[in-house]
């Protein structure tokens, strides 16, 4: 397996891990009924987890 294939495999694993972490975070926030805090256009906003669409 070449370096490009190894890097692609690593990238795929990282992407899957981030997707899973995102899903778990949204579910946790729904369970705790707490907003998700994000920065958008330099402003801090709160998003209710019920408004988040699952991937």
C-alpha atoms as a PDB file:
ATOM      1  CA  UNK A   1       0.000   0.000   0.000  1.00  0.00           C
ATOM      2  CA  UNK A   2       1.417   3.341  -1.063  1.00  0.00           C
ATOM      3  CA  UNK A   3       1.510   6.563   0.901  1.00  0.00           C
ATOM      4  CA  UNK A   4      -1.486   8.008  -0.991  1.00  0.00           C
ATOM      5  CA  UNK A   5      -3.611   4.991  -0.136  1.00  0.00           C
ATOM      6  CA  UNK A   6      -2.528   5.158   3.518  1.00  0.00           C
ATOM      7  CA  UNK A   7      -3.367   8.849   3.709  1.00  0.00           C
ATOM      8  CA  UNK A   8      -6.756   8.275   2.082  1.00  0.00           C
ATOM      9  CA  UNK A   9      -7.524   5.473   4.531  1.00  0.00           C
ATOM     10  CA  UNK A  10      -6.530   7.716   7.449  1.00  0.00           C
ATOM     11  CA  UNK A  11      -8.663  10.555   6.083  1.00  0.00           C
ATOM     12  CA  UNK A  12     -11.648   8.203   5.771  1.00  0.00           C
ATOM     13  CA  UNK A  13     -11.229   7.002   9.362  1.00  0.00           C
ATOM     14  CA  UNK A  14     -10.970  10.560  10.674  1.00  0.00           C
ATOM     15  CA  UNK A  15     -14.077  11.638   8.739  1.00  0.00           C
ATOM     16  CA  UNK A  16     -16.070   8.683  10.060  1.00  0.00           C
ATOM     17  CA  UNK A  17     -14.915   9.438  13.602  1.00  0.00           C
ATOM     18  CA  UNK A  18     -15.898  13.108  13.314  1.00  0.00           C
ATOM     19  CA  UNK A  19     -19.322  12.180  11.920  1.00  0.00           C
ATOM     20  CA  UNK A  20     -19.904   9.770  14.805  1.00  0.00           C
ATOM     21  CA  UNK A  21     -18.774  12.349  17.379  1.00  0.00           C
ATOM     22  CA  UNK A  22     -21.129  14.925  15.826  1.00  0.00           C
ATOM     23  CA  UNK A  23     -24.091  12.534  16.014  1.00  0.00           C
ATOM     24  CA  UNK A  24     -23.338  11.646  19.628  1.00  0.00           C
ATOM     25  CA  UNK A  25     -22.997  15.324  20.579  1.00  0.00           C
ATOM     26  CA  UNK A  26     -26.377  16.215  19.040  1.00  0.00           C
ATOM     27  CA  UNK A  27     -28.055  13.263  20.771  1.00  0.00           C
ATOM     28  CA  UNK A  28     -26.453  14.237  24.092  1.00  0.00           C
ATOM     29  CA  UNK A  29     -27.612  17.841  23.723  1.00  0.00           C
ATOM     30  CA  UNK A  30     -31.138  16.653  22.881  1.00  0.00           C
ATOM     31  CA  UNK A  31     -31.146  14.420  25.953  1.00  0.00           C
ATOM     32  CA  UNK A  32     -29.916  17.240  28.238  1.00  0.00           C
ATOM     33  CA  UNK A  33     -32.158  19.821  26.507  1.00  0.00           C
ATOM     34  CA  UNK A  34     -29.260  22.228  26.193  1.00  0.00           C
ATOM     35  CA  UNK A  35     -28.375  24.414  23.202  1.00  0.00           C
ATOM     36  CA  UNK A  36     -25.425  23.898  20.910  1.00  0.00           C
ATOM     37  CA  UNK A  37     -23.163  26.948  20.975  1.00  0.00           C
ATOM     38  CA  UNK A  38     -21.438  27.884  17.703  1.00  0.00           C
ATOM     39  CA  UNK A  39     -19.738  30.844  16.104  1.00  0.00           C
ATOM     40  CA  UNK A  40     -21.249  32.159  12.874  1.00  0.00           C
ATOM     41  CA  UNK A  41     -19.905  35.196  11.061  1.00  0.00           C
ATOM     42  CA  UNK A  42     -17.940  36.137  14.168  1.00  0.00           C
ATOM     43  CA  UNK A  43     -20.996  36.023  16.423  1.00  0.00           C
ATOM     44  CA  UNK A  44     -21.783  33.419  19.060  1.00  0.00           C
ATOM     45  CA  UNK A  45     -25.201  31.842  18.597  1.00  0.00           C
ATOM     46  CA  UNK A  46     -27.233  29.158  20.335  1.00  0.00           C
ATOM     47  CA  UNK A  47     -28.962  26.453  18.305  1.00  0.00           C
ATOM     48  CA  UNK A  48     -31.558  24.163  19.792  1.00  0.00           C
ATOM     49  CA  UNK A  49     -30.534  20.572  19.036  1.00  0.00           C
ATOM     50  CA  UNK A  50     -34.047  19.761  17.808  1.00  0.00           C
ATOM     51  CA  UNK A  51     -33.393  22.102  14.861  1.00  0.00           C
ATOM     52  CA  UNK A  52     -30.232  20.234  13.856  1.00  0.00           C
ATOM     53  CA  UNK A  53     -30.659  17.844  10.960  1.00  0.00           C
ATOM     54  CA  UNK A  54     -28.894  14.517  11.385  1.00  0.00           C
ATOM     55  CA  UNK A  55     -26.513  13.484   8.640  1.00  0.00           C
END
